[in-house]
C-alpha atoms as a PDB file:
ATOM      1  CA  MET A   1     140.750 112.185 127.923  1.00  0.00           C
ATOM      2  CA  ALA A   2     140.299 109.049 130.717  1.00  0.00           C
ATOM      3  CA  ASN A   3     141.449 106.320 130.445  1.00  0.00           C
ATOM      4  CA  TRP A   4     138.057 103.533 131.313  1.00  0.00           C
ATOM      5  CA  SER A   5     139.869 101.153 133.557  1.00  0.00           C
ATOM      6  CA  ASN A   6     140.870 103.672 136.082  1.00  0.00           C
ATOM      7  CA  PRO A   7     140.556 103.822 139.043  1.00  0.00           C
ATOM      8  CA  THR A   8     141.698 100.523 140.102  1.00  0.00           C
ATOM      9  CA  LEU A   9     142.654  98.703 143.438  1.00  0.00           C
ATOM     10  CA  THR A  10     146.566  99.649 143.170  1.00  0.00           C
ATOM     11  CA  SER A  11     145.494 102.764 142.404  1.00  0.00           C
ATOM     12  CA  LEU A  12     147.277 106.260 144.346  1.00  0.00           C
ATOM     13  CA  TYR A  13     145.088 107.824 146.803  1.00  0.00           C
ATOM     14  CA  THR A  14     146.870 111.171 144.602  1.00  0.00           C
ATOM     15  CA  ASN A  15     145.423 109.812 141.277  1.00  0.00           C
ATOM     16  CA  PHE A  16     142.118 108.575 142.117  1.00  0.00           C
ATOM     17  CA  LEU A  17     140.788 111.572 142.763  1.00  0.00           C
ATOM     18  CA  THR A  18     142.166 112.773 138.501  1.00  0.00           C
ATOM     19  CA  GLU A  19     141.079 109.733 137.472  1.00  0.00           C
ATOM     20  CA  LEU A  20     137.881 109.637 138.542  1.00  0.00           C
ATOM     21  CA  LYS A  21     136.918 113.647 137.786  1.00  0.00           C
ATOM     22  CA  ALA A  22     138.353 112.149 134.262  1.00  0.00           C
ATOM     23  CA  ARG A  23     135.889 109.535 133.214  1.00  0.00           C
ATOM     24  CA  ASP A  24     133.749 112.666 135.136  1.00  0.00           C
ATOM     25  CA  GLU A  25     134.245 115.007 132.405  1.00  0.00           C
ATOM     26  CA  ASP A  26     133.811 112.461 129.964  1.00  0.00           C
ATOM     27  CA  LEU A  27     130.545 111.512 131.337  1.00  0.00           C
ATOM     28  CA  ALA A  28     130.000 115.437 131.063  1.00  0.00           C
ATOM     29  CA  LYS A  29     130.859 115.746 127.530  1.00  0.00           C
ATOM     30  CA  GLN A  30     129.311 112.829 126.145  1.00  0.00           C
ATOM     31  CA  PHE A  31     132.680 111.921 125.273  1.00  0.00           C
ATOM     32  CA  ASP A  32     132.617 114.510 122.176  1.00  0.00           C
ATOM     33  CA  GLY A  33     135.413 115.390 121.194  1.00  0.00           C
ATOM     34  CA  GLN A  34     137.760 113.239 124.431  1.00  0.00           C
ATOM     35  CA  THR A  35     140.114 110.774 123.361  1.00  0.00           C
ATOM     36  CA  VAL A  36     139.533 107.994 126.057  1.00  0.00           C
ATOM     37  CA  SER A  37     140.821 104.217 125.836  1.00  0.00           C
ATOM     38  CA  ASN A  38     139.342 101.681 127.497  1.00  0.00           C
ATOM     39  CA  LEU A  39     136.144 102.728 126.482  1.00  0.00           C
ATOM     40  CA  ILE A  40     133.109 100.012 127.444  1.00  0.00           C
ATOM     41  CA  THR A  41     131.620  98.395 124.175  1.00  0.00           C
ATOM     42  CA  GLY A  42     128.400 100.433 123.964  1.00  0.00           C
ATOM     43  CA  ALA A  43     128.889 103.425 124.648  1.00  0.00           C
ATOM     44  CA  ILE A  44     126.958 106.387 123.701  1.00  0.00           C
ATOM     45  CA  ARG A  45     128.802 109.683 122.807  1.00  0.00           C
ATOM     46  CA  TRP A  46     127.618 113.276 120.974  1.00  0.00           C
ATOM     47  CA  ASN A  47     129.136 113.796 118.566  1.00  0.00           C
ATOM     48  CA  SER A  48     129.420 117.719 117.874  1.00  0.00           C
ATOM     49  CA  SER A  49     131.094 117.996 114.215  1.00  0.00           C
ATOM     50  CA  VAL A  50     129.354 115.450 112.547  1.00  0.00           C
ATOM     51  CA  ASN A  51     126.275 116.417 114.666  1.00  0.00           C
ATOM     52  CA  ARG A  52     125.471 112.721 115.038  1.00  0.00           C
ATOM     53  CA  TRP A  53     125.378 110.192 118.705  1.00  0.00           C
ATOM     54  CA  GLN A  54     127.528 107.486 117.354  1.00  0.00           C
ATOM     55  CA  LYS A  55     127.937 104.351 119.579  1.00  0.00           C
ATOM     56  CA  TRP A  56     131.307 102.496 120.206  1.00  0.00           C
ATOM     57  CA  SER A  57     131.901  99.255 118.480  1.00  0.00           C
ATOM     58  CA  GLY A  58     135.281  98.375 120.773  1.00  0.00           C
ATOM     59  CA  THR A  59     137.035  99.670 118.117  1.00  0.00           C
ATOM     60  CA  ALA A  60     135.872 102.494 116.616  1.00  0.00           C
ATOM     61  CA  TRP A  61     132.425 104.987 117.033  1.00  0.00           C
ATOM     62  CA  GLY A  62     129.187 104.614 114.475  1.00  0.00           C
ATOM     63  CA  GLU A  63     126.336 106.021 114.373  1.00  0.00           C
ATOM     64  CA  LEU A  64     124.049 105.136 117.198  1.00  0.00           C
ATOM     65  CA  ALA A  65     120.513 104.417 114.608  1.00  0.00           C
ATOM     66  CA  THR A  66     119.765 104.464 110.557  1.00  0.00           C
ATOM     67  CA  THR A  67     116.385 105.739 111.705  1.00  0.00           C
ATOM     68  CA  TYR A  68     115.220 107.709 114.550  1.00  0.00           C
ATOM     69  CA  ALA A  69     112.366 107.461 116.230  1.00  0.00           C
ATOM     70  CA  LEU A  70     110.791 111.406 117.098  1.00  0.00           C
ATOM     71  CA  THR A  71     108.401 111.626 119.561  1.00  0.00           C
ATOM     72  CA  GLY A  72     108.573 115.691 118.148  1.00  0.00           C
ATOM     73  CA  LEU A  73     110.503 117.692 116.262  1.00  0.00           C
ATOM     74  CA  SER A  74     110.950 121.210 115.986  1.00  0.00           C
ATOM     75  CA  THR A  75     113.482 124.035 114.370  1.00  0.00           C
ATOM     76  CA  THR A  76     113.527 127.838 114.565  1.00  0.00           C
ATOM     77  CA  GLY A  77     115.643 129.414 111.462  1.00  0.00           C
ATOM     78  CA  ALA A  78     116.369 127.030 107.456  1.00  0.00           C
ATOM     79  CA  ALA A  79     116.207 123.623 108.054  1.00  0.00           C
ATOM     80  CA  SER A  80     117.167 120.767 105.654  1.00  0.00           C
ATOM     81  CA  ILE A  81     116.672 116.902 104.880  1.00  0.00           C
ATOM     82  CA  GLY A  82     119.964 114.890 103.153  1.00  0.00           C
ATOM     83  CA  GLY A  83     118.128 112.159 102.317  1.00  0.00           C
ATOM     84  CA  ALA A  84     114.179 110.360 102.381  1.00  0.00           C
ATOM     85  CA  LEU A  85     112.153 112.058 104.733  1.00  0.00           C
ATOM     86  CA  THR A  86     108.448 109.963 105.593  1.00  0.00           C
ATOM     87  CA  VAL A  87     106.167 111.591 107.351  1.00  0.00           C
ATOM     88  CA  THR A  88     103.270 109.950 108.419  1.00  0.00           C
ATOM     89  CA  GLY A  89     100.228 111.541 110.167  1.00  0.00           C
ATOM     90  CA  ALA A  90      99.475 115.453 109.352  1.00  0.00           C
ATOM     91  CA  ALA A  91     102.306 118.087 108.921  1.00  0.00           C
ATOM     92  CA  ALA A  92     102.438 121.663 108.819  1.00  0.00           C
ATOM     93  CA  LEU A  93     105.092 123.496 106.854  1.00  0.00           C
ATOM     94  CA  ASN A  94     103.548 127.142 109.508  1.00  0.00           C
ATOM     95  CA  GLY A  95     105.926 130.156 107.981  1.00  0.00           C
ATOM     96  CA  GLY A  96     105.606 128.827 104.112  1.00  0.00           C
ATOM     97  CA  GLY A  97     107.193 125.790 102.971  1.00  0.00           C
ATOM     98  CA  THR A  98     108.333 124.790  99.079  1.00  0.00           C
ATOM     99  CA  SER A  99     109.717 122.425  96.643  1.00  0.00           C
ATOM    100  CA  THR A 100     111.039 121.093  93.719  1.00  0.00           C
ATOM    101  CA  THR A 101     108.175 122.212  90.832  1.00  0.00           C
ATOM    102  CA  PRO A 102     108.718 119.135  89.458  1.00  0.00           C
ATOM    103  CA  ALA A 103     107.899 118.924  84.887  1.00  0.00           C
ATOM    104  CA  THR A 104     104.582 119.178  83.204  1.00  0.00           C
ATOM    105  CA  ALA A 105     104.019 116.221  82.083  1.00  0.00           C
ATOM    106  CA  ASP A 106     104.337 114.456  85.984  1.00  0.00           C
ATOM    107  CA  ASN A 107     102.258 112.489  86.837  1.00  0.00           C
ATOM    108  CA  SER A 108     103.756 111.118  90.313  1.00  0.00           C
ATOM    109  CA  THR A 109     102.843 111.629  93.340  1.00  0.00           C
ATOM    110  CA  ALA A 110     105.366 114.822  93.589  1.00  0.00           C
ATOM    111  CA  ILE A 111     104.426 117.933  95.865  1.00  0.00           C
ATOM    112  CA  SER A 112     102.156 119.845  93.465  1.00  0.00           C
ATOM    113  CA  THR A 113     103.621 123.865  93.488  1.00  0.00           C
ATOM    114  CA  THR A 114     101.960 126.899  92.192  1.00  0.00           C
ATOM    115  CA  ALA A 115     103.883 127.390  89.226  1.00  0.00           C
ATOM    116  CA  TYR A 116     103.510 123.676  88.425  1.00  0.00           C
ATOM    117  CA  VAL A 117      99.464 124.031  88.464  1.00  0.00           C
ATOM    118  CA  LYS A 118      99.999 127.174  86.719  1.00  0.00           C
ATOM    119  CA  ALA A 119     101.495 125.130  84.138  1.00  0.00           C
ATOM    120  CA  GLN A 120      99.046 122.900  83.578  1.00  0.00           C
ATOM    121  CA  GLY A 121      96.977 125.895  82.137  1.00  0.00           C
ATOM    122  CA  TYR A 122      93.366 124.879  83.683  1.00  0.00           C
ATOM    123  CA  ALA A 123      90.807 127.462  83.194  1.00  0.00           C
ATOM    124  CA  THR A 124      90.238 129.686  85.747  1.00  0.00           C
ATOM    125  CA  LEU A 125      87.707 129.184  88.165  1.00  0.00           C
ATOM    126  CA  VAL A 126      86.331 132.567  87.813  1.00  0.00           C
ATOM    127  CA  SER A 127      86.130 134.228  84.451  1.00  0.00           C
ATOM    128  CA  PRO A 128      87.457 130.994  82.373  1.00  0.00           C
ATOM    129  CA  ALA A 129      88.036 131.047  78.819  1.00  0.00           C
ATOM    130  CA  LEU A 130      88.184 127.052  77.339  1.00  0.00           C
ATOM    131  CA  THR A 131      88.989 126.505  74.667  1.00  0.00           C
ATOM    132  CA  GLY A 132      88.828 123.542  72.317  1.00  0.00           C
ATOM    133  CA  THR A 133      85.684 121.646  72.670  1.00  0.00           C
ATOM    134  CA  PRO A 134      84.066 121.945  75.873  1.00  0.00           C
ATOM    135  CA  THR A 135      81.017 120.111  76.772  1.00  0.00           C
ATOM    136  CA  ALA A 136      78.707 119.875  79.796  1.00  0.00           C
ATOM    137  CA  PRO A 137      76.138 117.221  80.721  1.00  0.00           C
ATOM    138  CA  THR A 138      72.807 118.000  79.247  1.00  0.00           C
ATOM    139  CA  ALA A 139      70.322 119.114  81.413  1.00  0.00           C
ATOM    140  CA  ALA A 140      67.294 117.029  81.838  1.00  0.00           C
ATOM    141  CA  ALA A 141      63.855 117.782  79.727  1.00  0.00           C
ATOM    142  CA  GLY A 142      61.790 120.746  81.642  1.00  0.00           C
ATOM    143  CA  THR A 143      64.387 121.872  83.406  1.00  0.00           C
ATOM    144  CA  ASN A 144      64.353 125.419  84.226  1.00  0.00           C
ATOM    145  CA  GLN A 145      67.252 126.902  86.078  1.00  0.00           C
ATOM    146  CA  ARG A 146      69.881 128.465  85.338  1.00  0.00           C
ATOM    147  CA  GLN A 147      73.232 126.704  83.369  1.00  0.00           C
ATOM    148  CA  SER A 148      75.297 125.927  81.460  1.00  0.00           C
ATOM    149  CA  VAL A 149      73.241 124.408  78.125  1.00  0.00           C
ATOM    150  CA  ARG A 150      74.282 122.556  76.009  1.00  0.00           C
ATOM    151  CA  ALA A 151      74.072 122.598  71.823  1.00  0.00           C
ATOM    152  CA  GLY A 152      72.588 119.217  71.658  1.00  0.00           C
ATOM    153  CA  ILE A 153      69.605 120.202  73.442  1.00  0.00           C
ATOM    154  CA  TRP A 154      69.255 123.783  71.044  1.00  0.00           C
ATOM    155  CA  PRO A 155      69.767 122.887  67.878  1.00  0.00           C
ATOM    156  CA  SER A 156      67.963 125.618  65.670  1.00  0.00           C
ATOM    157  CA  ALA A 157      67.881 129.419  66.531  1.00  0.00           C
ATOM    158  CA  GLU A 158      67.135 131.715  64.900  1.00  0.00           C
ATOM    159  CA  ILE A 159      66.421 135.535  64.724  1.00  0.00           C
ATOM    160  CA  SER A 160      62.954 136.614  64.794  1.00  0.00           C
ATOM    161  CA  SER A 161      61.065 139.360  62.978  1.00  0.00           C
ATOM    162  CA  THR A 162      61.439 141.633  66.616  1.00  0.00           C
ATOM    163  CA  GLY A 163      65.131 141.811  67.279  1.00  0.00           C
ATOM    164  CA  THR A 164      64.994 138.022  69.802  1.00  0.00           C
ATOM    165  CA  ARG A 165      66.317 135.049  70.029  1.00  0.00           C
ATOM    166  CA  VAL A 166      64.509 132.125  69.658  1.00  0.00           C
ATOM    167  CA  MET A 167      65.803 128.809  69.830  1.00  0.00           C
ATOM    168  CA  THR A 168      63.846 125.210  69.704  1.00  0.00           C
ATOM    169  CA  ASN A 169      65.018 121.805  71.833  1.00  0.00           C
ATOM    170  CA  SER A 170      65.472 118.741  69.906  1.00  0.00           C
ATOM    171  CA  LYS A 171      61.765 118.313  70.628  1.00  0.00           C
ATOM    172  CA  GLY A 172      60.349 120.296  69.064  1.00  0.00           C
ATOM    173  CA  ALA A 173      58.525 122.157  71.406  1.00  0.00           C
ATOM    174  CA  ASN A 174      60.487 124.861  74.692  1.00  0.00           C
ATOM    175  CA  LYS A 175      60.852 127.785  73.251  1.00  0.00           C
ATOM    176  CA  ALA A 176      63.517 129.999  74.459  1.00  0.00           C
ATOM    177  CA  GLU A 177      63.162 133.712  73.536  1.00  0.00           C
ATOM    178  CA  PHE A 178      65.532 136.525  74.952  1.00  0.00           C
ATOM    179  CA  PRO A 179      67.883 139.696  73.758  1.00  0.00           C
ATOM    180  CA  ALA A 180      70.137 138.077  70.537  1.00  0.00           C
ATOM    181  CA  THR A 181      72.555 140.010  71.932  1.00  0.00           C
ATOM    182  CA  GLN A 182      72.124 137.904  75.399  1.00  0.00           C
ATOM    183  CA  SER A 183      75.268 135.158  75.717  1.00  0.00           C
ATOM    184  CA  LEU A 184      73.589 131.799  75.553  1.00  0.00           C
ATOM    185  CA  LEU A 185      74.896 131.355  79.238  1.00  0.00           C
ATOM    186  CA  SER A 186      74.435 134.168  80.924  1.00  0.00           C
ATOM    187  CA  ALA A 187      70.545 133.788  79.471  1.00  0.00           C
ATOM    188  CA  ALA A 188      66.908 133.123  82.072  1.00  0.00           C
ATOM    189  CA  TRP A 189      65.405 130.031  82.032  1.00  0.00           C
END
């Protein structure tokens, strides 16, 4: 709005206050929506039509910076990012953040959504339904704890005449007897 070459020493007194006021108005509005002339190179404005800070090159308004370093950023309501976002340090997504679910075969460092994890088909921790041929470490000799038993340590099993299951380990010792209806995984060793 203002001609930034004015006022000059030759300006009339009646124009002097008007010219100063026009400059003050430009500054108060941060040049937003203003058409100014003779603006100094390097002047900075807020452009509300694109929601960006811009810098005057002497001939045109351009981006103030390609990267802004923000000490803190807080939003209320929805916020979106139009390009890549890099977070250095911790990021808190209060209220539940969402992400695009990667393809099931994705082996990248992309954020894994709940849908992605469920699609992997892993067994749950409570009452897992194991398929295929699950493996486990072989217990050390003399182990007397409640734990999974690997078939390799108990190669033979038979039902005795008393109705109990008798299992002998690969060394021919450490017999275990328990009701034939009891699962190997739930037996107390």
